[in-house]
Amino acid sequence: FMSKKKIELTPGLNVDAILETMAKNYKDEE
């Protein structure tokens, strides 16, 4: 089963940096 959602961020936020942090936080997963 799938869920498709989105999160709206404040303009000016560094989206790439947020995604990089998420990748680091889960570095032990695939």
PDB file of all heavy atoms in Angstrom:
ATOM      1  N   PHE A   1       0.856  -1.191   0.000  1.00  0.00           N
ATOM      2  CA  PHE A   1       0.000   0.000   0.000  1.00  0.00           C
ATOM      3  C   PHE A   1       0.888   1.235   0.000  1.00  0.00           C
ATOM      4  O   PHE A   1       1.912   1.277   0.668  1.00  0.00           O
ATOM      5  CB  PHE A   1      -0.909   0.004   1.233  1.00  0.00           C
ATOM      6  CG  PHE A   1      -1.860  -1.152   1.265  1.00  0.00           C
ATOM      7  CD1 PHE A   1      -1.458  -2.392   1.737  1.00  0.00           C
ATOM      8  CD2 PHE A   1      -3.165  -1.013   0.801  1.00  0.00           C
ATOM      9  CE1 PHE A   1      -2.327  -3.472   1.758  1.00  0.00           C
ATOM     10  CE2 PHE A   1      -4.040  -2.082   0.820  1.00  0.00           C
ATOM     11  CZ  PHE A   1      -3.620  -3.319   1.294  1.00  0.00           C
ATOM     12  N   MET A   2       0.462   2.246  -0.774  1.00  0.00           N
ATOM     13  CA  MET A   2       1.271   3.455  -0.918  1.00  0.00           C
ATOM     14  C   MET A   2       0.606   4.661  -0.267  1.00  0.00           C
ATOM     15  O   MET A   2      -0.615   4.762  -0.205  1.00  0.00           O
ATOM     16  CB  MET A   2       1.500   3.768  -2.397  1.00  0.00           C
ATOM     17  CG  MET A   2       2.654   3.013  -2.986  1.00  0.00           C
ATOM     18  SD  MET A   2       3.135   3.765  -4.558  1.00  0.00           S
ATOM     19  CE  MET A   2       4.582   2.794  -4.906  1.00  0.00           C
ATOM     20  N   SER A   3       1.460   5.577   0.170  1.00  0.00           N
ATOM     21  CA  SER A   3       1.006   6.885   0.635  1.00  0.00           C
ATOM     22  C   SER A   3       1.798   7.930  -0.138  1.00  0.00           C
ATOM     23  O   SER A   3       3.009   7.793  -0.301  1.00  0.00           O
ATOM     24  CB  SER A   3       1.265   7.019   2.135  1.00  0.00           C
ATOM     25  OG  SER A   3       0.989   8.343   2.563  1.00  0.00           O
ATOM     26  N   LYS A   4       1.102   8.947  -0.638  1.00  0.00           N
ATOM     27  CA  LYS A   4       1.776  10.012  -1.387  1.00  0.00           C
ATOM     28  C   LYS A   4       1.407  11.345  -0.743  1.00  0.00           C
ATOM     29  O   LYS A   4       0.270  11.786  -0.837  1.00  0.00           O
ATOM     30  CB  LYS A   4       1.376   9.975  -2.864  1.00  0.00           C
ATOM     31  CG  LYS A   4       1.818   8.685  -3.552  1.00  0.00           C
ATOM     32  CD  LYS A   4       1.483   8.645  -5.032  1.00  0.00           C
ATOM     33  CE  LYS A   4       1.953   7.340  -5.655  1.00  0.00           C
ATOM     34  NZ  LYS A   4       1.671   7.249  -7.103  1.00  0.00           N
ATOM     35  N   LYS A   5       2.367  11.941  -0.063  1.00  0.00           N
ATOM     36  CA  LYS A   5       2.125  13.203   0.641  1.00  0.00           C
ATOM     37  C   LYS A   5       3.180  14.218   0.231  1.00  0.00           C
ATOM     38  O   LYS A   5       4.117  13.902  -0.514  1.00  0.00           O
ATOM     39  CB  LYS A   5       2.156  12.978   2.160  1.00  0.00           C
ATOM     40  CG  LYS A   5       1.089  12.003   2.649  1.00  0.00           C
ATOM     41  CD  LYS A   5       0.955  11.993   4.158  1.00  0.00           C
ATOM     42  CE  LYS A   5      -0.168  11.038   4.577  1.00  0.00           C
ATOM     43  NZ  LYS A   5      -0.470  11.140   6.016  1.00  0.00           N
ATOM     44  N   LYS A   6       3.043  15.448   0.730  1.00  0.00           N
ATOM     45  CA  LYS A   6       4.063  16.461   0.465  1.00  0.00           C
ATOM     46  C   LYS A   6       4.147  17.389   1.666  1.00  0.00           C
ATOM     47  O   LYS A   6       3.203  17.498   2.449  1.00  0.00           O
ATOM     48  CB  LYS A   6       3.749  17.238  -0.820  1.00  0.00           C
ATOM     49  CG  LYS A   6       2.467  18.052  -0.780  1.00  0.00           C
ATOM     50  CD  LYS A   6       2.205  18.706  -2.120  1.00  0.00           C
ATOM     51  CE  LYS A   6       0.891  19.493  -2.082  1.00  0.00           C
ATOM     52  NZ  LYS A   6       0.569  20.091  -3.383  1.00  0.00           N
ATOM     53  N   ILE A   7       5.289  18.024   1.791  1.00  0.00           N
ATOM     54  CA  ILE A   7       5.475  19.009   2.856  1.00  0.00           C
ATOM     55  C   ILE A   7       5.911  20.315   2.214  1.00  0.00           C
ATOM     56  O   ILE A   7       6.850  20.347   1.419  1.00  0.00           O
ATOM     57  CB  ILE A   7       6.491  18.508   3.909  1.00  0.00           C
ATOM     58  CG1 ILE A   7       6.726  19.573   4.972  1.00  0.00           C
ATOM     59  CG2 ILE A   7       7.809  18.085   3.290  1.00  0.00           C
ATOM     60  CD1 ILE A   7       7.511  19.067   6.169  1.00  0.00           C
ATOM     61  N   GLU A   8       5.189  21.389   2.512  1.00  0.00           N
ATOM     62  CA  GLU A   8       5.528  22.709   1.978  1.00  0.00           C
ATOM     63  C   GLU A   8       6.493  23.386   2.938  1.00  0.00           C
ATOM     64  O   GLU A   8       6.252  23.452   4.143  1.00  0.00           O
ATOM     65  CB  GLU A   8       4.258  23.541   1.782  1.00  0.00           C
ATOM     66  CG  GLU A   8       3.339  22.923   0.734  1.00  0.00           C
ATOM     67  CD  GLU A   8       2.234  23.861   0.293  1.00  0.00           C
ATOM     68  OE1 GLU A   8       2.384  25.087   0.470  1.00  0.00           O
ATOM     69  OE2 GLU A   8       1.229  23.361  -0.229  1.00  0.00           O
ATOM     70  N   LEU A   9       7.591  23.866   2.389  1.00  0.00           N
ATOM     71  CA  LEU A   9       8.635  24.485   3.196  1.00  0.00           C
ATOM     72  C   LEU A   9       8.643  25.999   2.987  1.00  0.00           C
ATOM     73  O   LEU A   9       8.119  26.508   1.994  1.00  0.00           O
ATOM     74  CB  LEU A   9       9.997  23.904   2.820  1.00  0.00           C
ATOM     75  CG  LEU A   9      10.121  22.378   2.964  1.00  0.00           C
ATOM     76  CD1 LEU A   9      11.425  21.905   2.354  1.00  0.00           C
ATOM     77  CD2 LEU A   9      10.033  21.963   4.426  1.00  0.00           C
ATOM     78  N   THR A  10       9.251  26.695   3.909  1.00  0.00           N
ATOM     79  CA  THR A  10       9.386  28.145   3.782  1.00  0.00           C
ATOM     80  C   THR A  10      10.330  28.467   2.628  1.00  0.00           C
ATOM     81  O   THR A  10      11.420  27.882   2.541  1.00  0.00           O
ATOM     82  CB  THR A  10       9.973  28.737   5.087  1.00  0.00           C
ATOM     83  OG1 THR A  10       9.226  28.234   6.183  1.00  0.00           O
ATOM     84  CG2 THR A  10       9.938  30.245   5.078  1.00  0.00           C
ATOM     85  N   PRO A  11       9.946  29.373   1.714  1.00  0.00           N
ATOM     86  CA  PRO A  11      10.866  29.764   0.629  1.00  0.00           C
ATOM     87  C   PRO A  11      12.201  30.217   1.215  1.00  0.00           C
ATOM     88  O   PRO A  11      12.246  30.899   2.236  1.00  0.00           O
ATOM     89  CB  PRO A  11      10.132  30.924  -0.046  1.00  0.00           C
ATOM     90  CG  PRO A  11       8.688  30.684   0.249  1.00  0.00           C
ATOM     91  CD  PRO A  11       8.645  30.069   1.624  1.00  0.00           C
ATOM     92  N   GLY A  12      13.272  29.838   0.579  1.00  0.00           N
ATOM     93  CA  GLY A  12      14.599  30.206   1.077  1.00  0.00           C
ATOM     94  C   GLY A  12      15.286  29.095   1.841  1.00  0.00           C
ATOM     95  O   GLY A  12      16.504  29.118   2.020  1.00  0.00           O
ATOM     96  N   LEU A  13      14.517  28.098   2.295  1.00  0.00           N
ATOM     97  CA  LEU A  13      15.135  26.958   2.970  1.00  0.00           C
ATOM     98  C   LEU A  13      15.951  26.142   1.967  1.00  0.00           C
ATOM     99  O   LEU A  13      15.549  25.995   0.817  1.00  0.00           O
ATOM    100  CB  LEU A  13      14.075  26.052   3.610  1.00  0.00           C
ATOM    101  CG  LEU A  13      13.557  26.451   4.996  1.00  0.00           C
ATOM    102  CD1 LEU A  13      12.446  25.502   5.422  1.00  0.00           C
ATOM    103  CD2 LEU A  13      14.673  26.410   6.030  1.00  0.00           C
ATOM    104  N   ASN A  14      17.058  25.596   2.404  1.00  0.00           N
ATOM    105  CA  ASN A  14      17.914  24.791   1.535  1.00  0.00           C
ATOM    106  C   ASN A  14      17.385  23.347   1.518  1.00  0.00           C
ATOM    107  O   ASN A  14      17.693  22.562   2.419  1.00  0.00           O
ATOM    108  CB  ASN A  14      19.363  24.838   2.037  1.00  0.00           C
ATOM    109  CG  ASN A  14      20.323  24.170   1.064  1.00  0.00           C
ATOM    110  OD1 ASN A  14      19.942  23.289   0.288  1.00  0.00           O
ATOM    111  ND2 ASN A  14      21.575  24.590   1.112  1.00  0.00           N
ATOM    112  N   VAL A  15      16.590  23.042   0.497  1.00  0.00           N
ATOM    113  CA  VAL A  15      15.942  21.724   0.420  1.00  0.00           C
ATOM    114  C   VAL A  15      16.974  20.615   0.256  1.00  0.00           C
ATOM    115  O   VAL A  15      16.865  19.550   0.858  1.00  0.00           O
ATOM    116  CB  VAL A  15      14.906  21.690  -0.743  1.00  0.00           C
ATOM    117  CG1 VAL A  15      14.254  20.315  -0.831  1.00  0.00           C
ATOM    118  CG2 VAL A  15      13.844  22.758  -0.547  1.00  0.00           C
ATOM    119  N   ASP A  16      18.020  20.887  -0.549  1.00  0.00           N
ATOM    120  CA  ASP A  16      19.069  19.879  -0.752  1.00  0.00           C
ATOM    121  C   ASP A  16      19.749  19.514   0.567  1.00  0.00           C
ATOM    122  O   ASP A  16      20.041  18.342   0.827  1.00  0.00           O
ATOM    123  CB  ASP A  16      20.114  20.387  -1.756  1.00  0.00           C
ATOM    124  CG  ASP A  16      19.560  20.441  -3.174  1.00  0.00           C
ATOM    125  OD1 ASP A  16      18.731  19.569  -3.504  1.00  0.00           O
ATOM    126  OD2 ASP A  16      19.938  21.343  -3.938  1.00  0.00           O
ATOM    127  N   ALA A  17      20.003  20.525   1.384  1.00  0.00           N
ATOM    128  CA  ALA A  17      20.651  20.281   2.678  1.00  0.00           C
ATOM    129  C   ALA A  17      19.759  19.435   3.587  1.00  0.00           C
ATOM    130  O   ALA A  17      20.243  18.556   4.315  1.00  0.00           O
ATOM    131  CB  ALA A  17      20.993  21.609   3.351  1.00  0.00           C
ATOM    132  N   ILE A  18      18.449  19.682   3.535  1.00  0.00           N
ATOM    133  CA  ILE A  18      17.506  18.894   4.340  1.00  0.00           C
ATOM    134  C   ILE A  18      17.544  17.432   3.906  1.00  0.00           C
ATOM    135  O   ILE A  18      17.600  16.515   4.737  1.00  0.00           O
ATOM    136  CB  ILE A  18      16.074  19.475   4.211  1.00  0.00           C
ATOM    137  CG1 ILE A  18      15.993  20.857   4.875  1.00  0.00           C
ATOM    138  CG2 ILE A  18      15.037  18.525   4.831  1.00  0.00           C
ATOM    139  CD1 ILE A  18      14.714  21.618   4.585  1.00  0.00           C
ATOM    140  N   LEU A  19      17.554  17.205   2.577  1.00  0.00           N
ATOM    141  CA  LEU A  19      17.582  15.833   2.068  1.00  0.00           C
ATOM    142  C   LEU A  19      18.907  15.147   2.424  1.00  0.00           C
ATOM    143  O   LEU A  19      18.922  13.961   2.766  1.00  0.00           O
ATOM    144  CB  LEU A  19      17.365  15.818   0.550  1.00  0.00           C
ATOM    145  CG  LEU A  19      15.967  16.254   0.067  1.00  0.00           C
ATOM    146  CD1 LEU A  19      15.896  16.201  -1.450  1.00  0.00           C
ATOM    147  CD2 LEU A  19      14.872  15.393   0.661  1.00  0.00           C
ATOM    148  N   GLU A  20      19.997  15.891   2.365  1.00  0.00           N
ATOM    149  CA  GLU A  20      21.306  15.333   2.746  1.00  0.00           C
ATOM    150  C   GLU A  20      21.307  14.909   4.216  1.00  0.00           C
ATOM    151  O   GLU A  20      21.844  13.855   4.576  1.00  0.00           O
ATOM    152  CB  GLU A  20      22.407  16.376   2.506  1.00  0.00           C
ATOM    153  CG  GLU A  20      22.853  16.484   1.061  1.00  0.00           C
ATOM    154  CD  GLU A  20      23.817  17.645   0.854  1.00  0.00           C
ATOM    155  OE1 GLU A  20      24.534  18.020   1.814  1.00  0.00           O
ATOM    156  OE2 GLU A  20      23.838  18.193  -0.267  1.00  0.00           O
ATOM    157  N   THR A  21      20.691  15.720   5.061  1.00  0.00           N
ATOM    158  CA  THR A  21      20.609  15.392   6.491  1.00  0.00           C
ATOM    159  C   THR A  21      19.783  14.132   6.712  1.00  0.00           C
ATOM    160  O   THR A  21      20.158  13.256   7.513  1.00  0.00           O
ATOM    161  CB  THR A  21      20.002  16.571   7.280  1.00  0.00           C
ATOM    162  OG1 THR A  21      20.783  17.745   7.050  1.00  0.00           O
ATOM    163  CG2 THR A  21      19.964  16.277   8.774  1.00  0.00           C
ATOM    164  N   MET A  22      18.682  14.012   5.977  1.00  0.00           N
ATOM    165  CA  MET A  22      17.844  12.806   6.094  1.00  0.00           C
ATOM    166  C   MET A  22      18.649  11.566   5.678  1.00  0.00           C
ATOM    167  O   MET A  22      18.574  10.514   6.323  1.00  0.00           O
ATOM    168  CB  MET A  22      16.602  12.931   5.216  1.00  0.00           C
ATOM    169  CG  MET A  22      15.552  13.905   5.760  1.00  0.00           C
ATOM    170  SD  MET A  22      14.870  13.418   7.364  1.00  0.00           S
ATOM    171  CE  MET A  22      13.925  11.959   6.915  1.00  0.00           C
ATOM    172  N   ALA A  23      19.431  11.688   4.597  1.00  0.00           N
ATOM    173  CA  ALA A  23      20.248  10.555   4.138  1.00  0.00           C
ATOM    174  C   ALA A  23      21.274  10.160   5.206  1.00  0.00           C
ATOM    175  O   ALA A  23      21.495   8.971   5.459  1.00  0.00           O
ATOM    176  CB  ALA A  23      20.943  10.912   2.824  1.00  0.00           C
ATOM    177  N   LYS A  24      21.885  11.171   5.856  1.00  0.00           N
ATOM    178  CA  LYS A  24      22.866  10.886   6.913  1.00  0.00           C
ATOM    179  C   LYS A  24      22.200  10.224   8.117  1.00  0.00           C
ATOM    180  O   LYS A  24      22.747   9.303   8.730  1.00  0.00           O
ATOM    181  CB  LYS A  24      23.547  12.190   7.357  1.00  0.00           C
ATOM    182  CG  LYS A  24      24.651  12.649   6.420  1.00  0.00           C
ATOM    183  CD  LYS A  24      25.228  13.976   6.886  1.00  0.00           C
ATOM    184  CE  LYS A  24      26.122  14.578   5.804  1.00  0.00           C
ATOM    185  NZ  LYS A  24      26.375  16.002   6.034  1.00  0.00           N
ATOM    186  N   ASN A  25      21.005  10.712   8.455  1.00  0.00           N
ATOM    187  CA  ASN A  25      20.297  10.174   9.620  1.00  0.00           C
ATOM    188  C   ASN A  25      19.955   8.690   9.449  1.00  0.00           C
ATOM    189  O   ASN A  25      19.791   7.970  10.432  1.00  0.00           O
ATOM    190  CB  ASN A  25      19.006  10.969   9.880  1.00  0.00           C
ATOM    191  CG  ASN A  25      19.285  12.364  10.412  1.00  0.00           C
ATOM    192  OD1 ASN A  25      20.438  12.682  10.722  1.00  0.00           O
ATOM    193  ND2 ASN A  25      18.265  13.194  10.501  1.00  0.00           N
ATOM    194  N   TYR A  26      19.818   8.267   8.173  1.00  0.00           N
ATOM    195  CA  TYR A  26      19.437   6.866   7.915  1.00  0.00           C
ATOM    196  C   TYR A  26      20.552   6.113   7.185  1.00  0.00           C
ATOM    197  O   TYR A  26      20.295   5.188   6.422  1.00  0.00           O
ATOM    198  CB  TYR A  26      18.138   6.832   7.111  1.00  0.00           C
ATOM    199  CG  TYR A  26      16.924   7.173   7.940  1.00  0.00           C
ATOM    200  CD1 TYR A  26      16.396   8.460   7.945  1.00  0.00           C
ATOM    201  CD2 TYR A  26      16.306   6.208   8.736  1.00  0.00           C
ATOM    202  CE1 TYR A  26      15.284   8.783   8.715  1.00  0.00           C
ATOM    203  CE2 TYR A  26      15.190   6.508   9.509  1.00  0.00           C
ATOM    204  CZ  TYR A  26      14.694   7.803   9.493  1.00  0.00           C
ATOM    205  OH  TYR A  26      13.597   8.105  10.272  1.00  0.00           O
ATOM    206  N   LYS A  27      21.799   6.531   7.429  1.00  0.00           N
ATOM    207  CA  LYS A  27      22.928   5.957   6.676  1.00  0.00           C
ATOM    208  C   LYS A  27      23.093   4.450   6.888  1.00  0.00           C
ATOM    209  O   LYS A  27      23.717   3.766   6.075  1.00  0.00           O
ATOM    210  CB  LYS A  27      24.227   6.679   7.020  1.00  0.00           C
ATOM    211  CG  LYS A  27      24.700   6.543   8.457  1.00  0.00           C
ATOM    212  CD  LYS A  27      25.990   7.321   8.675  1.00  0.00           C
ATOM    213  CE  LYS A  27      26.565   7.103  10.063  1.00  0.00           C
ATOM    214  NZ  LYS A  27      25.681   7.560  11.134  1.00  0.00           N
ATOM    215  N   ASP A  28      22.523   3.916   7.967  1.00  0.00           N
ATOM    216  CA  ASP A  28      22.641   2.472   8.224  1.00  0.00           C
ATOM    217  C   ASP A  28      21.634   1.647   7.417  1.00  0.00           C
ATOM    218  O   ASP A  28      21.697   0.414   7.407  1.00  0.00           O
ATOM    219  CB  ASP A  28      22.470   2.175   9.722  1.00  0.00           C
ATOM    220  CG  ASP A  28      23.614   2.757  10.544  1.00  0.00           C
ATOM    221  OD1 ASP A  28      24.702   2.949   9.967  1.00  0.00           O
ATOM    222  OD2 ASP A  28      23.403   3.039  11.733  1.00  0.00           O
ATOM    223  N   GLU A  29      20.685   2.329   6.775  1.00  0.00           N
ATOM    224  CA  GLU A  29      19.714   1.642   5.915  1.00  0.00           C
ATOM    225  C   GLU A  29      20.217   1.650   4.469  1.00  0.00           C
ATOM    226  O   GLU A  29      21.218   2.291   4.153  1.00  0.00           O
ATOM    227  CB  GLU A  29      18.340   2.336   5.994  1.00  0.00           C
ATOM    228  CG  GLU A  29      17.781   2.504   7.400  1.00  0.00           C
ATOM    229  CD  GLU A  29      17.444   1.190   8.080  1.00  0.00           C
ATOM    230  OE1 GLU A  29      17.276   0.172   7.375  1.00  0.00           O
ATOM    231  OE2 GLU A  29      17.358   1.173   9.319  1.00  0.00           O
ATOM    232  N   GLU A  30      19.494   0.971   3.590  1.00  0.00           N
ATOM    233  CA  GLU A  30      19.833   0.993   2.154  1.00  0.00           C
ATOM    234  C   GLU A  30      19.361   2.319   1.569  1.00  0.00           C
ATOM    235  O   GLU A  30      18.174   2.616   1.576  1.00  0.00           O
ATOM    236  CB  GLU A  30      19.137  -0.176   1.452  1.00  0.00           C
ATOM    237  CG  GLU A  30      19.590  -0.380   0.018  1.00  0.00           C
ATOM    238  CD  GLU A  30      18.834  -1.517  -0.677  1.00  0.00           C
ATOM    239  OE1 GLU A  30      18.463  -2.487   0.013  1.00  0.00           O
ATOM    240  OE2 GLU A  30      18.618  -1.403  -1.892  1.00  0.00           O
TER     241      GLU A  30
END
